[in-house]
Amino acid sequence: MENSGEMEKVVAVIMVGGPTKGTRFRPLSFNTPKPLFPLAGQPMVHHPISACKRIPNLAQIFLIGFYDEKEFALYVSSISNELRVPVRYLKEDKPHGSAGGLYHFRNLIMEDGPSHIFLLNCDVCCNFPLPDMLEAHKRYGGMGTMLVVKVSAESANQFGTLVSDPVTNELLHYTEKPETFVSDLINCGVYIFTPDIFSAIEDVSNDREDRVTANLRRLSSIDISTSTRTNIPTDFVRLDQDILSPLSGKKQLYTYETMDYWEQIKTPGISLKCSGLYLAQFRLTSPHLLASGDGTRSATVVGDVFVHPSAKVHPTAKIGPNVSISANVRVGPGVRLISCIILDDVELEDNAIVINSIVGWKSSLGRWSRVQADGDYNSKLGITILGESVVVEQEVVVVNSIVLPNKILNVSVQDEIIL
């Protein structure tokens, strides 16, 4: 038995979505696909990818989405080399739904004959306990296992909520965004399946096709226009409503609960929070990625901080906690940075201060300027966001505001969206 276990191959599929999605991520998603937006100095999609690297017998990783291939080509080739695992980007011709996209590329996904398929959503931030999940999944012996987490009763209805057997962990009931309280256990968007998932998706498609045909036969020509408008395309299959709900309570699906952090990265505010969570995780998993400094030859560093090797930081600057500084950033004398993401090619002049903010690519902050916010990650203006190439002139203060790209601010602003 031991030997057959050694030969089992596993593949991972990461859903990255496409440009029609992620509008809540503007203005940061105008020029960069959301999955490539850096959290803790690494593209968002990098965190699930590097977690996949810990899965035993991983054969390859697929990214599925409907962004242009060009946008991912460079990243995919560099990460494949770095991790020494083939990473491939597969472009959908149109949205097929979370399960339909998987099914659409089933022949490629199955080409190595994997015994298990991991499916992860890119916009999820957690510590991805994938090897433990795989062990649990094998013990359960079902078709699929999903990662779940407890959240507050008030927020549960914003997610897929579920009931699972407290003893066997079998998924008994699943509802997407219920109108009444079901449970405080929610779906984390991280799954593992056996190849049987493809038959389950096929059944949904076939069933829908049969219903459409039957409906068309039954309907008179007058009703056809109204009925076809509401029909979902037969090849559009949603994992939650079409697979998880109907298969609940049939000894097919199981749950694995994480006691660790979990967030869904819907907005720039949450992305700043997640950057901090990942930086804290680096302490345990990759301490070499974190900066250190005591203010003598290098800047003073407080807490978890990432500084790209190409960035130039003046020794009199003070940085942290929860700060991520991207490539070619120049940080001048006396600059103070707390809880912020500074993107590529930003210039921060003497004594500028940035707190609870994201500073966009190629932006510049003049001397004694301040860019700050309250730090309420959930509120729309709870963090300040400067889009690409924004100039904040000296001594200007920007508080709780969103500034679209290419603006020059020469007067202070508060609680505003600068279009």
Foldseek 3Di string as FASTA:
>chain_A
DVVVVLPAAEEEEEEQEEDVALPQAPPACVPARQQQPDFLQGRLQVQVVVLVLPARRYAAYEYEYAYDVVNCVVVQVVVCVVSVHRYYYDHDPDAQAQLLRCLVCVCVNCVVPHQKYKYAYSQKFWNCPPNVQVVLCVVLVAFKEFEKEFDDQVCQLQAWDFDADPPSQATAAIDGSDPDGDHRIGTQRIMMGGSCSNVQLVVQLVVLVVVVVVVVVPDDPVCPVVVVVPRDHSSRAHCRPRPRHVCHPVSHYGYDYDHTDMDGRSYPLVSLVSSLVVLVVCVVVPVVQFDDACLDQADHEDDREGAPPQEAADSQEYEDDSEYEYHHEYHEHLEYEYSEYEYAQEYEYHNEYEEQEYEEHNEYEEHLEYAFACSPSPDSLRGEYEYHHEYEYHPEYEYSEYERPPHYDDHHDYVYYHD
